[in-house]
C-alpha cells in the first residue's frame, strides 16, 4: 500500500480520487485494483457492496479527522468482537487488531 494514504468514509470520497489499495468485496474478490481513479459511477456501485470507507492516495487528514476515524474503527472492533466472551484466542486477536488500528506495532 502507498505510504501516503488515508481512510475516508465513502460519503467524503469524490470522483478523481485514487485508490491506495485493492478494493475487495466481503469474500475477497477484487472489485477495483489499487491505483484506480474513481468515477461517480464506481462510487455508486461501491455503495451497493456495503463498503463504508476507502483507502485513498495522497489525502492529508486533519488531526480531528484522524481522531474521529480511529474512534469509528474502535467502535467497529467492539461491535465485531461483542460476542467473544472470555475466549482467550479471540481476546488476543481483538487486542492485536486494536493495537494495529492505533498504530502501535510490537
C-alpha atoms as a PDB file:
ATOM      1  CA  UNK A   1       0.000   0.000   0.000  1.00  0.00           C
ATOM      2  CA  UNK A   2       1.118   3.518  -0.716  1.00  0.00           C
ATOM      3  CA  UNK A   3       2.684   5.203   2.332  1.00  0.00           C
ATOM      4  CA  UNK A   4       0.658   8.362   1.680  1.00  0.00           C
ATOM      5  CA  UNK A   5      -2.916   7.227   2.117  1.00  0.00           C
ATOM      6  CA  UNK A   6      -5.850   7.881   4.347  1.00  0.00           C
ATOM      7  CA  UNK A   7      -9.081   6.054   5.034  1.00  0.00           C
ATOM      8  CA  UNK A   8     -12.060   8.181   4.081  1.00  0.00           C
ATOM      9  CA  UNK A   9     -15.746   7.490   4.621  1.00  0.00           C
ATOM     10  CA  UNK A  10     -17.396   6.723   1.297  1.00  0.00           C
ATOM     11  CA  UNK A  11     -19.500   9.876   1.678  1.00  0.00           C
ATOM     12  CA  UNK A  12     -16.310  12.007   1.526  1.00  0.00           C
ATOM     13  CA  UNK A  13     -14.735  10.250  -1.461  1.00  0.00           C
ATOM     14  CA  UNK A  14     -15.085  12.219  -4.697  1.00  0.00           C
ATOM     15  CA  UNK A  15     -14.572  11.313  -8.352  1.00  0.00           C
ATOM     16  CA  UNK A  16     -10.935  11.676  -9.380  1.00  0.00           C
ATOM     17  CA  UNK A  17      -9.508  10.330  -6.128  1.00  0.00           C
ATOM     18  CA  UNK A  18      -7.164   7.332  -6.425  1.00  0.00           C
ATOM     19  CA  UNK A  19      -7.437   4.030  -4.543  1.00  0.00           C
ATOM     20  CA  UNK A  20      -4.364   3.324  -2.437  1.00  0.00           C
ATOM     21  CA  UNK A  21      -5.052  -0.421  -2.170  1.00  0.00           C
ATOM     22  CA  UNK A  22      -7.091  -3.104  -3.918  1.00  0.00           C
ATOM     23  CA  UNK A  23     -10.788  -2.810  -3.091  1.00  0.00           C
ATOM     24  CA  UNK A  24     -12.109  -6.219  -2.057  1.00  0.00           C
ATOM     25  CA  UNK A  25     -15.644  -7.456  -1.543  1.00  0.00           C
ATOM     26  CA  UNK A  26     -16.772  -9.471   1.501  1.00  0.00           C
ATOM     27  CA  UNK A  27     -15.352 -12.728   0.177  1.00  0.00           C
ATOM     28  CA  UNK A  28     -12.040 -11.287  -1.007  1.00  0.00           C
ATOM     29  CA  UNK A  29     -12.699 -10.769  -4.710  1.00  0.00           C
ATOM     30  CA  UNK A  30     -11.018  -7.702  -6.180  1.00  0.00           C
ATOM     31  CA  UNK A  31     -13.641  -5.139  -7.136  1.00  0.00           C
ATOM     32  CA  UNK A  32     -11.132  -2.479  -8.171  1.00  0.00           C
ATOM     33  CA  UNK A  33      -7.316  -2.672  -8.228  1.00  0.00           C
ATOM     34  CA  UNK A  34      -5.034  -0.241  -6.428  1.00  0.00           C
ATOM     35  CA  UNK A  35      -4.273   2.991  -8.333  1.00  0.00           C
ATOM     36  CA  UNK A  36      -7.758   3.101  -9.893  1.00  0.00           C
ATOM     37  CA  UNK A  37      -9.003   6.634 -10.481  1.00  0.00           C
ATOM     38  CA  UNK A  38     -12.515   6.644  -9.077  1.00  0.00           C
ATOM     39  CA  UNK A  39     -15.514   7.834 -11.082  1.00  0.00           C
ATOM     40  CA  UNK A  40     -19.005   8.789  -9.937  1.00  0.00           C
ATOM     41  CA  UNK A  41     -20.368   5.539 -11.373  1.00  0.00           C
ATOM     42  CA  UNK A  42     -17.761   3.486  -9.486  1.00  0.00           C
ATOM     43  CA  UNK A  43     -18.633   5.232  -6.217  1.00  0.00           C
ATOM     44  CA  UNK A  44     -22.323   4.450  -6.720  1.00  0.00           C
ATOM     45  CA  UNK A  45     -21.509   0.784  -7.387  1.00  0.00           C
ATOM     46  CA  UNK A  46     -19.215   0.592  -4.339  1.00  0.00           C
ATOM     47  CA  UNK A  47     -22.062   1.753  -2.096  1.00  0.00           C
ATOM     48  CA  UNK A  48     -24.084  -1.307  -3.167  1.00  0.00           C
ATOM     49  CA  UNK A  49     -21.340  -3.604  -1.811  1.00  0.00           C
ATOM     50  CA  UNK A  50     -21.776  -2.458   1.808  1.00  0.00           C
ATOM     51  CA  UNK A  51     -18.378  -0.722   1.765  1.00  0.00           C
ATOM     52  CA  UNK A  52     -18.190   2.248   4.110  1.00  0.00           C
ATOM     53  CA  UNK A  53     -14.651   3.564   3.688  1.00  0.00           C
ATOM     54  CA  UNK A  54     -11.826   3.512   1.161  1.00  0.00           C
ATOM     55  CA  UNK A  55      -8.067   3.942   1.362  1.00  0.00           C
ATOM     56  CA  UNK A  56      -7.263   6.912  -0.827  1.00  0.00           C
ATOM     57  CA  UNK A  57      -3.814   8.011  -2.056  1.00  0.00           C
ATOM     58  CA  UNK A  58      -2.313  11.336  -1.134  1.00  0.00           C
ATOM     59  CA  UNK A  59      -5.075  12.590   1.158  1.00  0.00           C
ATOM     60  CA  UNK A  60      -3.856  14.545   4.149  1.00  0.00           C
ATOM     61  CA  UNK A  61      -6.184  14.266   7.134  1.00  0.00           C
ATOM     62  CA  UNK A  62      -6.560  16.744   9.928  1.00  0.00           C
ATOM     63  CA  UNK A  63      -5.855  15.644  13.468  1.00  0.00           C
ATOM     64  CA  UNK A  64      -9.587  15.808  14.223  1.00  0.00           C
ATOM     65  CA  UNK A  65     -10.412  13.593  11.211  1.00  0.00           C
ATOM     66  CA  UNK A  66      -7.771  11.090  12.307  1.00  0.00           C
ATOM     67  CA  UNK A  67      -9.225  11.062  15.816  1.00  0.00           C
ATOM     68  CA  UNK A  68     -12.776  10.610  14.534  1.00  0.00           C
ATOM     69  CA  UNK A  69     -11.661   7.862  12.152  1.00  0.00           C
ATOM     70  CA  UNK A  70      -9.878   5.996  14.960  1.00  0.00           C
ATOM     71  CA  UNK A  71     -12.948   6.278  17.206  1.00  0.00           C
ATOM     72  CA  UNK A  72     -15.127   4.870  14.419  1.00  0.00           C
ATOM     73  CA  UNK A  73     -12.708   1.997  13.845  1.00  0.00           C
ATOM     74  CA  UNK A  74     -12.541   1.166  17.564  1.00  0.00           C
ATOM     75  CA  UNK A  75     -16.359   1.181  17.791  1.00  0.00           C
ATOM     76  CA  UNK A  76     -16.453  -1.214  14.831  1.00  0.00           C
ATOM     77  CA  UNK A  77     -13.939  -3.524  16.522  1.00  0.00           C
ATOM     78  CA  UNK A  78     -16.092  -3.593  19.662  1.00  0.00           C
ATOM     79  CA  UNK A  79     -19.130  -4.482  17.551  1.00  0.00           C
ATOM     80  CA  UNK A  80     -17.290  -7.243  15.684  1.00  0.00           C
ATOM     81  CA  UNK A  81     -15.955  -8.812  18.881  1.00  0.00           C
ATOM     82  CA  UNK A  82     -19.087  -8.264  21.009  1.00  0.00           C
ATOM     83  CA  UNK A  83     -19.854 -11.990  21.391  1.00  0.00           C
ATOM     84  CA  UNK A  84     -16.397 -13.353  22.202  1.00  0.00           C
ATOM     85  CA  UNK A  85     -16.868 -13.620  25.958  1.00  0.00           C
ATOM     86  CA  UNK A  86     -13.719 -14.770  27.728  1.00  0.00           C
ATOM     87  CA  UNK A  87     -12.321 -16.733  24.784  1.00  0.00           C
ATOM     88  CA  UNK A  88      -8.563 -16.232  25.142  1.00  0.00           C
ATOM     89  CA  UNK A  89      -7.652 -16.578  21.440  1.00  0.00           C
ATOM     90  CA  UNK A  90     -10.395 -14.137  20.429  1.00  0.00           C
ATOM     91  CA  UNK A  91      -9.359 -11.660  23.149  1.00  0.00           C
ATOM     92  CA  UNK A  92      -5.764 -11.815  21.925  1.00  0.00           C
ATOM     93  CA  UNK A  93      -6.876 -11.247  18.346  1.00  0.00           C
ATOM     94  CA  UNK A  94      -9.035  -8.306  19.419  1.00  0.00           C
ATOM     95  CA  UNK A  95      -6.069  -6.828  21.279  1.00  0.00           C
ATOM     96  CA  UNK A  96      -3.836  -7.141  18.202  1.00  0.00           C
ATOM     97  CA  UNK A  97      -6.467  -5.508  15.982  1.00  0.00           C
ATOM     98  CA  UNK A  98      -6.855  -2.603  18.415  1.00  0.00           C
ATOM     99  CA  UNK A  99      -3.070  -2.093  18.616  1.00  0.00           C
ATOM    100  CA  UNK A 100      -2.835  -2.207  14.815  1.00  0.00           C
ATOM    101  CA  UNK A 101      -5.588   0.395  14.392  1.00  0.00           C
ATOM    102  CA  UNK A 102      -3.918   2.646  16.967  1.00  0.00           C
ATOM    103  CA  UNK A 103      -0.669   2.438  15.003  1.00  0.00           C
ATOM    104  CA  UNK A 104       1.152   0.509  17.687  1.00  0.00           C
ATOM    105  CA  UNK A 105       3.486  -2.094  16.248  1.00  0.00           C
ATOM    106  CA  UNK A 106       5.010  -4.651  18.525  1.00  0.00           C
END
